[in-house]
Amino acid sequence: MSDAQAAPVTENGVPSAAHEYVIEEAPAFKVFVGNLAYSTTDEGLEIFFAPVKSDIIATQVIMRGHKPAGYGFVTMSSAEAATQAVELLDSQELDGRPVIVQIAKPAEQKDKEKKEKRAKRRPNRRGAKAVPGEVTDAEANGDVKAEDTAAADAPGTDEAAKPKKRKKKSNRKYGRRATVVEGGEAPATESAPEDAAVPAKRQPRIRRPRARPVGQDPDGEPSKNMLFVANLGFSVDDESLSKLFTDAGISVVSARVVRRRWGNPRKSKGYGFVDVGSEEEQTRAMAALQGMEVNGRPIAVKVAVNSTSAPQEADADAAETAA
């Protein structure tokens, strides 16, 4: 038997010595290309890098789904070739756009920058505390020590136990100012600042005086052709008022129901005037229609008065007389 020792065999049956001869792949150097047109393809990017074509390993335009992202990478065989590509092609025009050519950052550097940005994240606008384990802006700038912040936030400490004070809002709109009067100082009164808008004072409503006492006959001459009709239903209009007289055999020249000045439609005031043309027709109409029920209401028919006051006052006087 041979005295030579057998080579140790691994689980897959390959001697361990064979693992010492692993071929190491040469490191690749990437170049970042930004501000690419959406029409730029991998082939177009490779043609653009023609000055360093011999050192190109691969070109790739980054896609987002089916659309290009506007940037890409070119893998070079050496750092010298990558630097040369940046010097020759940066700010050159490709497909109508000046492109940005830079040495791509290693993955480790990108991760480090992301962590730094995350550490400098500002709290929300209400002043919420940073996430535990993260560095605040004050700590990053050296204004506050991390130990002080942790001690203040720790439960059971005096700082954490103290309730936050809220600023009280004053309900007073303006400041108070004292006015000096004879015999001493009067109580303080509120005064508005000079630039504050002073609301206009509301003028009291002036009631129009009555033309005459209630129950007194209106001043003026009795009409020789006009009748005053009161206690009308609110559904009675000019046409139905005229028809009421014509159905009783009274000739009607005109009929008018007095309505309010506002509203749409303008509602009836419950009285009106009928022109019958003569005193004889007035007498006949009062005899025929006085106290007649119209829509469940007994109407009043009287001789109208030609008042010397304004038309609106005359109507009011007539209504008061009917009442």
C-alpha atoms as a PDB file:
ATOM      1  CA  MET A   1       0.000   0.000   0.000  1.00  0.00           C
ATOM      2  CA  SER A   2       1.149   3.496  -0.693  1.00  0.00           C
ATOM      3  CA  ASP A   3       2.098   5.733   2.199  1.00  0.00           C
ATOM      4  CA  ALA A   4       0.681   8.851   0.423  1.00  0.00           C
ATOM      5  CA  GLN A   5      -2.276  10.406   2.198  1.00  0.00           C
ATOM      6  CA  ALA A   6      -5.513  10.668   0.227  1.00  0.00           C
ATOM      7  CA  ALA A   7      -6.811  14.164  -0.520  1.00  0.00           C
ATOM      8  CA  PRO A   8      -9.818  15.124   1.594  1.00  0.00           C
ATOM      9  CA  VAL A   9     -13.036  14.912  -0.326  1.00  0.00           C
ATOM     10  CA  THR A  10     -15.931  17.384   0.164  1.00  0.00           C
ATOM     11  CA  GLU A  11     -19.619  16.570   0.146  1.00  0.00           C
ATOM     12  CA  ASN A  12     -19.955  16.998  -3.625  1.00  0.00           C
ATOM     13  CA  GLY A  13     -16.993  14.789  -4.275  1.00  0.00           C
ATOM     14  CA  VAL A  14     -14.595  17.517  -5.382  1.00  0.00           C
ATOM     15  CA  PRO A  15     -11.266  17.782  -3.550  1.00  0.00           C
ATOM     16  CA  SER A  16     -10.913  20.895  -1.437  1.00  0.00           C
ATOM     17  CA  ALA A  17      -7.688  21.796  -3.201  1.00  0.00           C
ATOM     18  CA  ALA A  18      -9.675  22.537  -6.335  1.00  0.00           C
ATOM     19  CA  HIS A  19     -11.442  25.436  -4.620  1.00  0.00           C
ATOM     20  CA  GLU A  20      -8.178  27.331  -4.333  1.00  0.00           C
ATOM     21  CA  TYR A  21      -8.110  27.922  -8.096  1.00  0.00           C
ATOM     22  CA  VAL A  22     -11.172  30.234  -8.396  1.00  0.00           C
ATOM     23  CA  ILE A  23     -10.918  32.687 -11.284  1.00  0.00           C
ATOM     24  CA  GLU A  24     -11.540  36.213  -9.988  1.00  0.00           C
ATOM     25  CA  GLU A  25     -13.578  38.459 -12.293  1.00  0.00           C
ATOM     26  CA  ALA A  26     -11.987  41.798 -13.069  1.00  0.00           C
ATOM     27  CA  PRO A  27     -13.747  44.724 -11.333  1.00  0.00           C
ATOM     28  CA  ALA A  28     -16.022  46.804 -13.606  1.00  0.00           C
ATOM     29  CA  PHE A  29     -16.246  50.595 -13.590  1.00  0.00           C
ATOM     30  CA  LYS A  30     -19.615  52.167 -14.307  1.00  0.00           C
ATOM     31  CA  VAL A  31     -20.303  55.559 -15.826  1.00  0.00           C
ATOM     32  CA  PHE A  32     -23.604  57.310 -15.146  1.00  0.00           C
ATOM     33  CA  VAL A  33     -25.303  59.015 -18.106  1.00  0.00           C
ATOM     34  CA  GLY A  34     -28.190  61.369 -17.266  1.00  0.00           C
ATOM     35  CA  ASN A  35     -30.611  63.684 -19.065  1.00  0.00           C
ATOM     36  CA  LEU A  36     -31.162  61.163 -21.824  1.00  0.00           C
ATOM     37  CA  ALA A  37     -33.926  61.625 -24.360  1.00  0.00           C
ATOM     38  CA  TYR A  38     -36.719  59.068 -24.188  1.00  0.00           C
ATOM     39  CA  SER A  39     -35.848  57.982 -27.728  1.00  0.00           C
ATOM     40  CA  THR A  40     -32.269  56.979 -26.775  1.00  0.00           C
ATOM     41  CA  THR A  41     -31.671  53.211 -26.848  1.00  0.00           C
ATOM     42  CA  ASP A  42     -28.840  50.936 -25.688  1.00  0.00           C
ATOM     43  CA  GLU A  43     -27.407  50.894 -29.213  1.00  0.00           C
ATOM     44  CA  GLY A  44     -27.562  54.681 -29.487  1.00  0.00           C
ATOM     45  CA  LEU A  45     -25.811  55.034 -26.142  1.00  0.00           C
ATOM     46  CA  GLU A  46     -23.060  52.675 -27.284  1.00  0.00           C
ATOM     47  CA  ILE A  47     -22.562  54.681 -30.491  1.00  0.00           C
ATOM     48  CA  PHE A  48     -22.325  57.861 -28.388  1.00  0.00           C
ATOM     49  CA  PHE A  49     -19.426  56.251 -26.434  1.00  0.00           C
ATOM     50  CA  ALA A  50     -17.553  55.499 -29.684  1.00  0.00           C
ATOM     51  CA  PRO A  51     -14.377  57.386 -28.554  1.00  0.00           C
ATOM     52  CA  VAL A  52     -13.885  54.714 -25.843  1.00  0.00           C
ATOM     53  CA  LYS A  53     -15.588  51.850 -27.674  1.00  0.00           C
ATOM     54  CA  SER A  54     -12.722  49.424 -27.117  1.00  0.00           C
ATOM     55  CA  ASP A  55     -13.124  49.699 -23.317  1.00  0.00           C
ATOM     56  CA  ILE A  56     -16.935  49.266 -23.234  1.00  0.00           C
ATOM     57  CA  ILE A  57     -18.230  46.139 -21.525  1.00  0.00           C
ATOM     58  CA  ALA A  58     -21.968  46.853 -21.556  1.00  0.00           C
ATOM     59  CA  THR A  59     -24.476  49.692 -22.043  1.00  0.00           C
ATOM     60  CA  GLN A  60     -27.908  49.912 -20.446  1.00  0.00           C
ATOM     61  CA  VAL A  61     -30.715  52.498 -20.542  1.00  0.00           C
ATOM     62  CA  ILE A  62     -32.779  52.143 -17.343  1.00  0.00           C
ATOM     63  CA  MET A  63     -36.477  51.446 -17.963  1.00  0.00           C
ATOM     64  CA  ARG A  64     -39.499  52.047 -15.756  1.00  0.00           C
ATOM     65  CA  GLY A  65     -41.942  49.481 -16.975  1.00  0.00           C
ATOM     66  CA  HIS A  66     -42.138  50.046 -20.726  1.00  0.00           C
ATOM     67  CA  LYS A  67     -40.873  53.642 -20.627  1.00  0.00           C
ATOM     68  CA  PRO A  68     -37.262  54.834 -20.319  1.00  0.00           C
ATOM     69  CA  ALA A  69     -36.313  56.588 -17.069  1.00  0.00           C
ATOM     70  CA  GLY A  70     -34.102  59.205 -18.727  1.00  0.00           C
ATOM     71  CA  TYR A  71     -30.747  57.850 -17.563  1.00  0.00           C
ATOM     72  CA  GLY A  72     -28.478  54.843 -18.030  1.00  0.00           C
ATOM     73  CA  PHE A  73     -25.112  53.243 -17.252  1.00  0.00           C
ATOM     74  CA  VAL A  74     -22.089  52.265 -19.323  1.00  0.00           C
ATOM     75  CA  THR A  75     -19.757  49.638 -17.856  1.00  0.00           C
ATOM     76  CA  MET A  76     -16.061  50.272 -18.638  1.00  0.00           C
ATOM     77  CA  SER A  77     -13.114  47.917 -18.307  1.00  0.00           C
ATOM     78  CA  SER A  78     -10.876  50.277 -16.297  1.00  0.00           C
ATOM     79  CA  ALA A  79     -10.987  53.383 -14.159  1.00  0.00           C
ATOM     80  CA  GLU A  80      -8.823  55.225 -16.709  1.00  0.00           C
ATOM     81  CA  ALA A  81     -11.324  54.497 -19.466  1.00  0.00           C
ATOM     82  CA  ALA A  82     -14.222  55.686 -17.289  1.00  0.00           C
ATOM     83  CA  THR A  83     -12.388  58.924 -16.488  1.00  0.00           C
ATOM     84  CA  GLN A  84     -11.568  59.454 -20.158  1.00  0.00           C
ATOM     85  CA  ALA A  85     -15.214  58.944 -21.120  1.00  0.00           C
ATOM     86  CA  VAL A  86     -16.318  61.581 -18.603  1.00  0.00           C
ATOM     87  CA  GLU A  87     -13.761  64.084 -19.896  1.00  0.00           C
ATOM     88  CA  LEU A  88     -14.677  63.532 -23.565  1.00  0.00           C
ATOM     89  CA  LEU A  89     -18.462  63.146 -23.433  1.00  0.00           C
ATOM     90  CA  ASP A  90     -19.777  65.182 -20.483  1.00  0.00           C
ATOM     91  CA  SER A  91     -22.204  67.934 -21.635  1.00  0.00           C
ATOM     92  CA  GLN A  92     -22.096  66.657 -25.211  1.00  0.00           C
ATOM     93  CA  GLU A  93     -25.360  66.479 -27.192  1.00  0.00           C
ATOM     94  CA  LEU A  94     -27.132  63.177 -27.762  1.00  0.00           C
ATOM     95  CA  ASP A  95     -30.487  63.011 -29.560  1.00  0.00           C
ATOM     96  CA  GLY A  96     -30.919  66.768 -29.165  1.00  0.00           C
ATOM     97  CA  ARG A  97     -30.155  66.931 -25.431  1.00  0.00           C
ATOM     98  CA  PRO A  98     -26.910  67.741 -23.546  1.00  0.00           C
ATOM     99  CA  VAL A  99     -26.211  64.665 -21.441  1.00  0.00           C
ATOM    100  CA  ILE A 100     -24.546  64.390 -18.034  1.00  0.00           C
ATOM    101  CA  VAL A 101     -21.662  61.922 -17.863  1.00  0.00           C
ATOM    102  CA  GLN A 102     -20.237  61.140 -14.412  1.00  0.00           C
ATOM    103  CA  ILE A 103     -18.466  58.341 -12.576  1.00  0.00           C
ATOM    104  CA  ALA A 104     -21.215  56.210 -11.002  1.00  0.00           C
ATOM    105  CA  LYS A 105     -21.224  56.103  -7.217  1.00  0.00           C
ATOM    106  CA  PRO A 106     -20.572  52.722  -5.551  1.00  0.00           C
ATOM    107  CA  ALA A 107     -23.510  51.012  -3.892  1.00  0.00           C
ATOM    108  CA  GLU A 108     -21.882  51.434  -0.470  1.00  0.00           C
ATOM    109  CA  GLN A 109     -21.667  55.214  -0.925  1.00  0.00           C
ATOM    110  CA  LYS A 110     -25.316  55.397  -2.019  1.00  0.00           C
ATOM    111  CA  ASP A 111     -26.433  53.495   1.069  1.00  0.00           C
ATOM    112  CA  LYS A 112     -24.360  55.781   3.283  1.00  0.00           C
ATOM    113  CA  GLU A 113     -25.910  58.926   1.739  1.00  0.00           C
ATOM    114  CA  LYS A 114     -29.413  57.515   2.194  1.00  0.00           C
ATOM    115  CA  LYS A 115     -28.713  56.867   5.872  1.00  0.00           C
ATOM    116  CA  GLU A 116     -27.398  60.411   6.332  1.00  0.00           C
ATOM    117  CA  LYS A 117     -30.510  61.902   4.726  1.00  0.00           C
ATOM    118  CA  ARG A 118     -32.718  59.733   6.886  1.00  0.00           C
ATOM    119  CA  ALA A 119     -30.827  60.838   9.991  1.00  0.00           C
ATOM    120  CA  LYS A 120     -31.335  64.523   9.123  1.00  0.00           C
ATOM    121  CA  ARG A 121     -35.056  64.099   8.576  1.00  0.00           C
ATOM    122  CA  ARG A 122     -36.974  66.938  10.188  1.00  0.00           C
ATOM    123  CA  PRO A 123     -39.819  66.282  12.619  1.00  0.00           C
ATOM    124  CA  ASN A 124     -43.306  67.281  11.587  1.00  0.00           C
ATOM    125  CA  ARG A 125     -44.467  70.859  11.890  1.00  0.00           C
ATOM    126  CA  ARG A 126     -46.026  70.268  15.314  1.00  0.00           C
ATOM    127  CA  GLY A 127     -42.576  69.579  16.727  1.00  0.00           C
ATOM    128  CA  ALA A 128     -42.924  65.814  17.154  1.00  0.00           C
ATOM    129  CA  LYS A 129     -39.884  63.987  18.429  1.00  0.00           C
ATOM    130  CA  ALA A 130     -37.613  62.067  16.085  1.00  0.00           C
ATOM    131  CA  VAL A 131     -37.875  58.315  15.729  1.00  0.00           C
ATOM    132  CA  PRO A 132     -35.892  56.529  18.468  1.00  0.00           C
ATOM    133  CA  GLY A 133     -32.383  55.744  17.265  1.00  0.00           C
ATOM    134  CA  GLU A 134     -32.286  58.546  14.664  1.00  0.00           C
ATOM    135  CA  VAL A 135     -30.205  61.693  14.906  1.00  0.00           C
ATOM    136  CA  THR A 136     -32.069  64.983  15.095  1.00  0.00           C
ATOM    137  CA  ASP A 137     -31.003  68.228  13.380  1.00  0.00           C
ATOM    138  CA  ALA A 138     -29.881  69.721  16.692  1.00  0.00           C
ATOM    139  CA  GLU A 139     -27.739  66.684  17.459  1.00  0.00           C
ATOM    140  CA  ALA A 140     -26.235  66.682  13.954  1.00  0.00           C
ATOM    141  CA  ASN A 141     -25.301  70.386  14.290  1.00  0.00           C
ATOM    142  CA  GLY A 142     -23.829  69.854  17.774  1.00  0.00           C
ATOM    143  CA  ASP A 143     -26.346  72.160  19.513  1.00  0.00           C
ATOM    144  CA  VAL A 144     -27.713  69.401  21.772  1.00  0.00           C
ATOM    145  CA  LYS A 145     -26.030  66.304  23.047  1.00  0.00           C
ATOM    146  CA  ALA A 146     -27.645  62.951  22.364  1.00  0.00           C
ATOM    147  CA  GLU A 147     -27.329  62.056  26.070  1.00  0.00           C
ATOM    148  CA  ASP A 148     -29.336  65.145  27.080  1.00  0.00           C
ATOM    149  CA  THR A 149     -32.084  64.360  24.584  1.00  0.00           C
ATOM    150  CA  ALA A 150     -32.299  60.741  25.699  1.00  0.00           C
ATOM    151  CA  ALA A 151     -32.424  61.769  29.362  1.00  0.00           C
ATOM    152  CA  ALA A 152     -35.218  64.256  28.697  1.00  0.00           C
ATOM    153  CA  ASP A 153     -37.269  61.711  26.745  1.00  0.00           C
ATOM    154  CA  ALA A 154     -36.730  58.879  29.204  1.00  0.00           C
ATOM    155  CA  PRO A 155     -39.852  57.895  31.135  1.00  0.00           C
ATOM    156  CA  GLY A 156     -39.906  58.671  34.838  1.00  0.00           C
ATOM    157  CA  THR A 157     -37.776  61.818  34.578  1.00  0.00           C
ATOM    158  CA  ASP A 158     -38.907  65.237  35.708  1.00  0.00           C
ATOM    159  CA  GLU A 159     -38.808  66.630  32.165  1.00  0.00           C
ATOM    160  CA  ALA A 160     -41.095  63.898  30.857  1.00  0.00           C
ATOM    161  CA  ALA A 161     -43.459  64.231  33.820  1.00  0.00           C
ATOM    162  CA  LYS A 162     -43.964  67.977  33.417  1.00  0.00           C
ATOM    163  CA  PRO A 163     -47.114  68.805  31.434  1.00  0.00           C
ATOM    164  CA  LYS A 164     -46.730  71.101  28.501  1.00  0.00           C
ATOM    165  CA  LYS A 165     -47.947  74.616  29.061  1.00  0.00           C
ATOM    166  CA  ARG A 166     -50.319  76.046  26.531  1.00  0.00           C
ATOM    167  CA  LYS A 167     -50.542  79.706  25.816  1.00  0.00           C
ATOM    168  CA  LYS A 168     -53.873  81.104  26.881  1.00  0.00           C
ATOM    169  CA  LYS A 169     -55.842  82.964  24.285  1.00  0.00           C
ATOM    170  CA  SER A 170     -57.446  86.184  25.331  1.00  0.00           C
ATOM    171  CA  ASN A 171     -61.129  86.516  24.572  1.00  0.00           C
ATOM    172  CA  ARG A 172     -60.900  90.279  24.594  1.00  0.00           C
ATOM    173  CA  LYS A 173     -60.964  91.775  21.169  1.00  0.00           C
ATOM    174  CA  TYR A 174     -59.422  95.091  22.068  1.00  0.00           C
ATOM    175  CA  GLY A 175     -57.444  96.566  24.916  1.00  0.00           C
ATOM    176  CA  ARG A 176     -59.035  98.430  27.800  1.00  0.00           C
ATOM    177  CA  ARG A 177     -58.608 102.149  28.146  1.00  0.00           C
ATOM    178  CA  ALA A 178     -59.606 104.314  31.099  1.00  0.00           C
ATOM    179  CA  THR A 179     -61.332 107.650  30.525  1.00  0.00           C
ATOM    180  CA  VAL A 180     -60.890 110.535  32.931  1.00  0.00           C
ATOM    181  CA  VAL A 181     -64.013 112.395  33.983  1.00  0.00           C
ATOM    182  CA  GLU A 182     -64.733 115.023  36.573  1.00  0.00           C
ATOM    183  CA  GLY A 183     -64.409 113.765  40.105  1.00  0.00           C
ATOM    184  CA  GLY A 184     -62.019 110.918  39.360  1.00  0.00           C
ATOM    185  CA  GLU A 185     -61.319 108.113  36.923  1.00  0.00           C
ATOM    186  CA  ALA A 186     -64.245 106.380  35.274  1.00  0.00           C
ATOM    187  CA  PRO A 187     -64.326 102.579  34.825  1.00  0.00           C
ATOM    188  CA  ALA A 188     -62.131 101.269  32.030  1.00  0.00           C
ATOM    189  CA  THR A 189     -63.853 100.877  28.683  1.00  0.00           C
ATOM    190  CA  GLU A 190     -62.837  98.815  25.689  1.00  0.00           C
ATOM    191  CA  SER A 191     -61.354 100.741  22.805  1.00  0.00           C
ATOM    192  CA  ALA A 192     -60.522  99.543  19.331  1.00  0.00           C
ATOM    193  CA  PRO A 193     -57.072 100.132  17.811  1.00  0.00           C
ATOM    194  CA  GLU A 194     -56.744 102.956  15.349  1.00  0.00           C
ATOM    195  CA  ASP A 195     -56.384 100.625  12.340  1.00  0.00           C
ATOM    196  CA  ALA A 196     -59.343  98.435  13.329  1.00  0.00           C
ATOM    197  CA  ALA A 197     -62.518  98.735  11.298  1.00  0.00           C
ATOM    198  CA  VAL A 198     -65.260 100.256  13.451  1.00  0.00           C
ATOM    199  CA  PRO A 199     -68.670  98.755  12.648  1.00  0.00           C
ATOM    200  CA  ALA A 200     -71.309 101.253  11.639  1.00  0.00           C
ATOM    201  CA  LYS A 201     -73.987 101.938  14.201  1.00  0.00           C
ATOM    202  CA  ARG A 202     -77.397 100.674  13.266  1.00  0.00           C
ATOM    203  CA  GLN A 203     -79.873 103.500  13.045  1.00  0.00           C
ATOM    204  CA  PRO A 204     -83.113 102.933  14.975  1.00  0.00           C
ATOM    205  CA  ARG A 205     -86.154 102.453  12.799  1.00  0.00           C
ATOM    206  CA  ILE A 206     -88.403 105.475  12.862  1.00  0.00           C
ATOM    207  CA  ARG A 207     -92.052 104.561  12.928  1.00  0.00           C
ATOM    208  CA  ARG A 208     -94.310 106.599  10.746  1.00  0.00           C
ATOM    209  CA  PRO A 209     -96.906 108.399  12.866  1.00  0.00           C
ATOM    210  CA  ARG A 210    -100.504 107.435  12.353  1.00  0.00           C
ATOM    211  CA  ALA A 211    -102.467 109.766  10.138  1.00  0.00           C
ATOM    212  CA  ARG A 212    -105.413 109.549  12.549  1.00  0.00           C
ATOM    213  CA  PRO A 213    -106.521 107.647  15.655  1.00  0.00           C
ATOM    214  CA  VAL A 214    -107.984 104.173  15.243  1.00  0.00           C
ATOM    215  CA  GLY A 215    -111.766 104.232  14.747  1.00  0.00           C
ATOM    216  CA  GLN A 216    -111.905 107.801  13.542  1.00  0.00           C
ATOM    217  CA  ASP A 217    -113.421 108.368  10.100  1.00  0.00           C
ATOM    218  CA  PRO A 218    -110.898 109.332   7.435  1.00  0.00           C
ATOM    219  CA  ASP A 219    -110.711 112.918   6.282  1.00  0.00           C
ATOM    220  CA  GLY A 220    -111.983 113.580   2.798  1.00  0.00           C
ATOM    221  CA  GLU A 221    -115.063 113.563   0.623  1.00  0.00           C
ATOM    222  CA  PRO A 222    -117.071 110.362   0.039  1.00  0.00           C
ATOM    223  CA  SER A 223    -116.590 109.010  -3.477  1.00  0.00           C
ATOM    224  CA  LYS A 224    -119.565 109.061  -5.846  1.00  0.00           C
ATOM    225  CA  ASN A 225    -118.512 106.003  -7.816  1.00  0.00           C
ATOM    226  CA  MET A 226    -115.939 104.003  -5.768  1.00  0.00           C
ATOM    227  CA  LEU A 227    -116.708 101.309  -3.210  1.00  0.00           C
ATOM    228  CA  PHE A 228    -114.374  99.913  -0.552  1.00  0.00           C
ATOM    229  CA  VAL A 229    -114.582  96.115  -0.045  1.00  0.00           C
ATOM    230  CA  ALA A 230    -112.955  94.623   3.087  1.00  0.00           C
ATOM    231  CA  ASN A 231    -112.438  91.198   4.731  1.00  0.00           C
ATOM    232  CA  LEU A 232    -111.627  89.540   1.421  1.00  0.00           C
ATOM    233  CA  GLY A 233    -109.993  86.135   1.321  1.00  0.00           C
ATOM    234  CA  PHE A 234    -106.333  86.124   0.292  1.00  0.00           C
ATOM    235  CA  SER A 235    -107.191  84.011  -2.765  1.00  0.00           C
ATOM    236  CA  VAL A 236    -109.502  86.705  -4.198  1.00  0.00           C
ATOM    237  CA  ASP A 237    -107.932  88.562  -7.144  1.00  0.00           C
ATOM    238  CA  ASP A 238    -109.072  91.442  -9.337  1.00  0.00           C
ATOM    239  CA  GLU A 239    -111.036  89.223 -11.711  1.00  0.00           C
ATOM    240  CA  SER A 240    -112.904  87.336  -8.997  1.00  0.00           C
ATOM    241  CA  LEU A 241    -113.693  90.619  -7.187  1.00  0.00           C
ATOM    242  CA  SER A 242    -115.181  92.063 -10.370  1.00  0.00           C
ATOM    243  CA  LYS A 243    -117.151  88.855 -10.987  1.00  0.00           C
ATOM    244  CA  LEU A 244    -118.597  89.059  -7.470  1.00  0.00           C
ATOM    245  CA  PHE A 245    -120.281  92.370  -8.353  1.00  0.00           C
ATOM    246  CA  THR A 246    -121.349  91.461 -11.899  1.00  0.00           C
ATOM    247  CA  ASP A 247    -123.009  88.265 -10.643  1.00  0.00           C
ATOM    248  CA  ALA A 248    -125.136  90.484  -8.353  1.00  0.00           C
ATOM    249  CA  GLY A 249    -126.221  92.617 -11.349  1.00  0.00           C
ATOM    250  CA  ILE A 250    -123.915  95.542 -10.593  1.00  0.00           C
ATOM    251  CA  SER A 251    -122.089  97.185 -13.481  1.00  0.00           C
ATOM    252  CA  VAL A 252    -118.338  97.346 -12.834  1.00  0.00           C
ATOM    253  CA  VAL A 253    -115.953  99.859 -14.401  1.00  0.00           C
ATOM    254  CA  SER A 254    -112.832  98.510 -12.629  1.00  0.00           C
ATOM    255  CA  ALA A 255    -111.889  96.349  -9.656  1.00  0.00           C
ATOM    256  CA  ARG A 256    -108.581  96.260  -7.796  1.00  0.00           C
ATOM    257  CA  VAL A 257    -107.318  94.160  -4.879  1.00  0.00           C
ATOM    258  CA  VAL A 258    -104.647  95.989  -2.839  1.00  0.00           C
ATOM    259  CA  ARG A 259    -101.445  93.934  -2.546  1.00  0.00           C
ATOM    260  CA  ARG A 260     -98.238  94.187  -0.582  1.00  0.00           C
ATOM    261  CA  ARG A 261     -95.259  95.971  -2.104  1.00  0.00           C
ATOM    262  CA  TRP A 262     -92.868  93.024  -1.715  1.00  0.00           C
ATOM    263  CA  GLY A 263     -92.918  89.285  -2.266  1.00  0.00           C
ATOM    264  CA  ASN A 264     -93.237  87.117  -5.339  1.00  0.00           C
ATOM    265  CA  PRO A 265     -96.090  86.750  -5.909  1.00  0.00           C
ATOM    266  CA  ARG A 266     -97.300  89.813  -4.006  1.00  0.00           C
ATOM    267  CA  LYS A 267     -99.879  88.735  -1.470  1.00  0.00           C
ATOM    268  CA  SER A 268    -103.259  90.388  -1.000  1.00  0.00           C
ATOM    269  CA  LYS A 269    -103.863  92.683   1.970  1.00  0.00           C
ATOM    270  CA  GLY A 270    -107.459  91.473   2.255  1.00  0.00           C
ATOM    271  CA  TYR A 271    -109.273  94.515   0.838  1.00  0.00           C
ATOM    272  CA  GLY A 272    -109.834  96.299  -2.462  1.00  0.00           C
ATOM    273  CA  PHE A 273    -111.737  98.957  -4.403  1.00  0.00           C
ATOM    274  CA  VAL A 274    -114.464  98.645  -7.031  1.00  0.00           C
ATOM    275  CA  ASP A 275    -115.551 101.431  -9.387  1.00  0.00           C
ATOM    276  CA  VAL A 276    -119.288 101.026 -10.138  1.00  0.00           C
ATOM    277  CA  GLY A 277    -119.709 104.301 -12.053  1.00  0.00           C
ATOM    278  CA  SER A 278    -122.496 106.074 -10.112  1.00  0.00           C
ATOM    279  CA  GLU A 279    -124.100 106.655  -6.704  1.00  0.00           C
ATOM    280  CA  GLU A 280    -127.141 104.567  -7.675  1.00  0.00           C
ATOM    281  CA  GLU A 281    -124.916 101.563  -8.365  1.00  0.00           C
ATOM    282  CA  GLN A 282    -123.141 102.184  -5.060  1.00  0.00           C
ATOM    283  CA  THR A 283    -126.417 101.967  -3.164  1.00  0.00           C
ATOM    284  CA  ARG A 284    -127.515  98.832  -5.017  1.00  0.00           C
ATOM    285  CA  ALA A 285    -124.158  97.131  -4.458  1.00  0.00           C
ATOM    286  CA  MET A 286    -124.092  97.840  -0.714  1.00  0.00           C
ATOM    287  CA  ALA A 287    -127.655  96.536  -0.359  1.00  0.00           C
ATOM    288  CA  ALA A 288    -126.898  93.364  -2.333  1.00  0.00           C
ATOM    289  CA  LEU A 289    -123.405  92.454  -1.107  1.00  0.00           C
ATOM    290  CA  GLN A 290    -123.081  93.827   2.432  1.00  0.00           C
ATOM    291  CA  GLY A 291    -122.293  90.871   4.775  1.00  0.00           C
ATOM    292  CA  MET A 292    -122.255  88.262   1.964  1.00  0.00           C
ATOM    293  CA  GLU A 293    -119.993  85.305   2.693  1.00  0.00           C
ATOM    294  CA  VAL A 294    -117.166  84.854   0.170  1.00  0.00           C
ATOM    295  CA  ASN A 295    -114.944  81.826   0.739  1.00  0.00           C
ATOM    296  CA  GLY A 296    -116.338  81.541   4.275  1.00  0.00           C
ATOM    297  CA  ARG A 297    -115.754  85.215   5.196  1.00  0.00           C
ATOM    298  CA  PRO A 298    -118.437  87.943   5.428  1.00  0.00           C
ATOM    299  CA  ILE A 299    -117.329  90.905   3.340  1.00  0.00           C
ATOM    300  CA  ALA A 300    -117.872  94.573   4.175  1.00  0.00           C
ATOM    301  CA  VAL A 301    -118.913  97.007   1.406  1.00  0.00           C
ATOM    302  CA  LYS A 302    -118.687 100.747   2.079  1.00  0.00           C
ATOM    303  CA  VAL A 303    -118.410 104.002   0.160  1.00  0.00           C
ATOM    304  CA  ALA A 304    -114.747 104.821  -0.415  1.00  0.00           C
ATOM    305  CA  VAL A 305    -113.341 108.180   0.706  1.00  0.00           C
ATOM    306  CA  ASN A 306    -111.334 110.440  -1.599  1.00  0.00           C
ATOM    307  CA  SER A 307    -108.564 111.160   0.920  1.00  0.00           C
ATOM    308  CA  THR A 308    -106.324 114.192   0.556  1.00  0.00           C
ATOM    309  CA  SER A 309    -103.308 112.126   1.799  1.00  0.00           C
ATOM    310  CA  ALA A 310    -100.980 109.971  -0.298  1.00  0.00           C
ATOM    311  CA  PRO A 311    -102.472 106.906  -2.040  1.00  0.00           C
ATOM    312  CA  GLN A 312    -100.763 104.486   0.367  1.00  0.00           C
ATOM    313  CA  GLU A 313    -102.084 106.382   3.373  1.00  0.00           C
ATOM    314  CA  ALA A 314    -105.542 106.448   1.832  1.00  0.00           C
ATOM    315  CA  ASP A 315    -105.465 102.673   1.494  1.00  0.00           C
ATOM    316  CA  ALA A 316    -104.372 102.352   5.125  1.00  0.00           C
ATOM    317  CA  ASP A 317    -107.143 104.678   6.253  1.00  0.00           C
ATOM    318  CA  ALA A 318    -109.674 102.624   4.361  1.00  0.00           C
ATOM    319  CA  ALA A 319    -108.427  99.428   5.967  1.00  0.00           C
ATOM    320  CA  GLU A 320    -108.637 100.947   9.448  1.00  0.00           C
ATOM    321  CA  THR A 321    -112.166 102.151   8.744  1.00  0.00           C
ATOM    322  CA  ALA A 322    -113.182  98.635   7.700  1.00  0.00           C
ATOM    323  CA  ALA A 323    -111.701  97.218  10.875  1.00  0.00           C
END
